[in-house]
């Protein structure tokens, strides 16, 4: 895991990589992590375009406060490819 990440971001990475997924990873924490490790642009429709490790992914903010299982899968893949793991 990246040593430059703050404690909350390190905890968020651990939550993302927990299996089985806890189902209660908060969107605000995910967004904070993505802003710390990548380039984040908010589109006009509220979606986030994230570039990390040469890969760009667009994420829809969840309707509630927590991200869904599919977003966790996508985040794991993107973070793993960028060398960020728990």
Protein backbone atom coordinates (compact mmCIF):
# COMPACT_ATOMS: atom_id res chain seq x y z
CA UNK A 1 0.00 0.00 0.00
CA UNK A 2 1.17 3.54 -0.65
CA UNK A 3 2.91 4.99 2.38
CA UNK A 4 1.86 8.53 1.44
CA UNK A 5 -1.82 7.79 1.99
CA UNK A 6 -3.44 9.10 5.14
CA UNK A 7 -4.99 6.77 7.69
CA UNK A 8 -8.56 7.20 6.38
CA UNK A 9 -7.49 6.50 2.79
CA UNK A 10 -5.52 3.41 3.90
CA UNK A 11 -8.62 2.18 5.75
CA UNK A 12 -10.70 2.76 2.62
CA UNK A 13 -8.28 0.70 0.52
CA UNK A 14 -8.57 -2.12 3.06
CA UNK A 15 -12.38 -1.90 2.96
CA UNK A 16 -12.37 -2.04 -0.85
CA UNK A 17 -10.18 -5.16 -0.89
CA UNK A 18 -12.03 -6.97 1.94
CA UNK A 19 -13.64 -10.20 0.81
CA UNK A 20 -16.48 -10.74 1.10
CA UNK A 21 -17.33 -7.13 0.57
CA UNK A 22 -18.78 -5.51 3.63
CA UNK A 23 -21.24 -3.55 1.52
CA UNK A 24 -20.75 -0.43 3.56
CA UNK A 25 -17.90 1.43 1.86
CA UNK A 26 -18.93 5.07 1.85
CA UNK A 27 -18.84 6.99 -1.42
CA UNK A 28 -17.32 10.07 0.24
CA UNK A 29 -14.36 7.94 1.40
CA UNK A 30 -13.96 6.37 -2.05
CA UNK A 31 -13.97 9.79 -3.66
CA UNK A 32 -11.38 11.08 -1.17
CA UNK A 33 -9.15 8.09 -1.93
CA UNK A 34 -9.47 8.57 -5.69
CA UNK A 35 -8.61 12.26 -5.36
CA UNK A 36 -5.52 11.32 -3.32
CA UNK A 37 -4.17 8.75 -5.79
CA UNK A 38 -5.41 9.90 -9.19
CA UNK A 39 -6.80 12.71 -11.27
CA UNK A 40 -10.52 13.26 -10.68
CA UNK A 41 -12.80 15.40 -12.81
CA UNK A 42 -16.48 15.85 -12.02
CA UNK A 43 -18.59 15.88 -15.17
CA UNK A 44 -21.65 18.07 -15.59
CA UNK A 45 -23.95 15.12 -14.86
CA UNK A 46 -22.21 14.43 -11.52
CA UNK A 47 -20.25 11.42 -12.73
CA UNK A 48 -16.56 11.22 -11.81
CA UNK A 49 -13.93 10.64 -14.45
CA UNK A 50 -10.91 9.14 -12.72
CA UNK A 51 -7.49 8.64 -14.28
CA UNK A 52 -5.12 6.42 -12.35
CA UNK A 53 -2.05 4.60 -13.61
CA UNK A 54 -2.79 5.38 -17.25
CA UNK A 55 -6.35 4.04 -17.03
CA UNK A 56 -9.48 6.19 -17.07
CA UNK A 57 -12.79 5.05 -15.60
CA UNK A 58 -16.05 6.90 -15.11
CA UNK A 59 -18.02 6.27 -11.94
CA UNK A 60 -21.66 7.10 -11.22
CA UNK A 61 -22.17 8.30 -7.66
CA UNK A 62 -24.39 5.85 -5.77
CA UNK A 63 -27.95 6.76 -4.84
CA UNK A 64 -27.23 6.11 -1.17
CA UNK A 65 -24.10 6.76 0.86
CA UNK A 66 -22.42 3.40 0.08
CA UNK A 67 -20.97 2.06 -3.16
CA UNK A 68 -22.36 -1.11 -4.69
CA UNK A 69 -20.60 -4.43 -5.27
CA UNK A 70 -19.93 -3.76 -8.97
CA UNK A 71 -18.20 -0.49 -8.15
CA UNK A 72 -16.03 -2.34 -5.62
CA UNK A 73 -15.02 -4.80 -8.36
CA UNK A 74 -14.13 -1.92 -10.70
CA UNK A 75 -12.22 -0.08 -7.95
CA UNK A 76 -10.24 -3.20 -7.04
CA UNK A 77 -9.22 -3.72 -10.64
CA UNK A 78 -8.22 -0.08 -11.15
CA UNK A 79 -6.32 0.19 -7.87
CA UNK A 80 -4.56 -3.16 -8.38
CA UNK A 81 -3.38 -2.13 -11.86
CA UNK A 82 -1.99 1.08 -10.35
CA UNK A 83 -0.10 -0.96 -7.72
CA UNK A 84 -2.35 -0.02 -4.81
CA UNK A 85 -3.45 -2.99 -2.73
CA UNK A 86 -4.21 -3.65 0.91
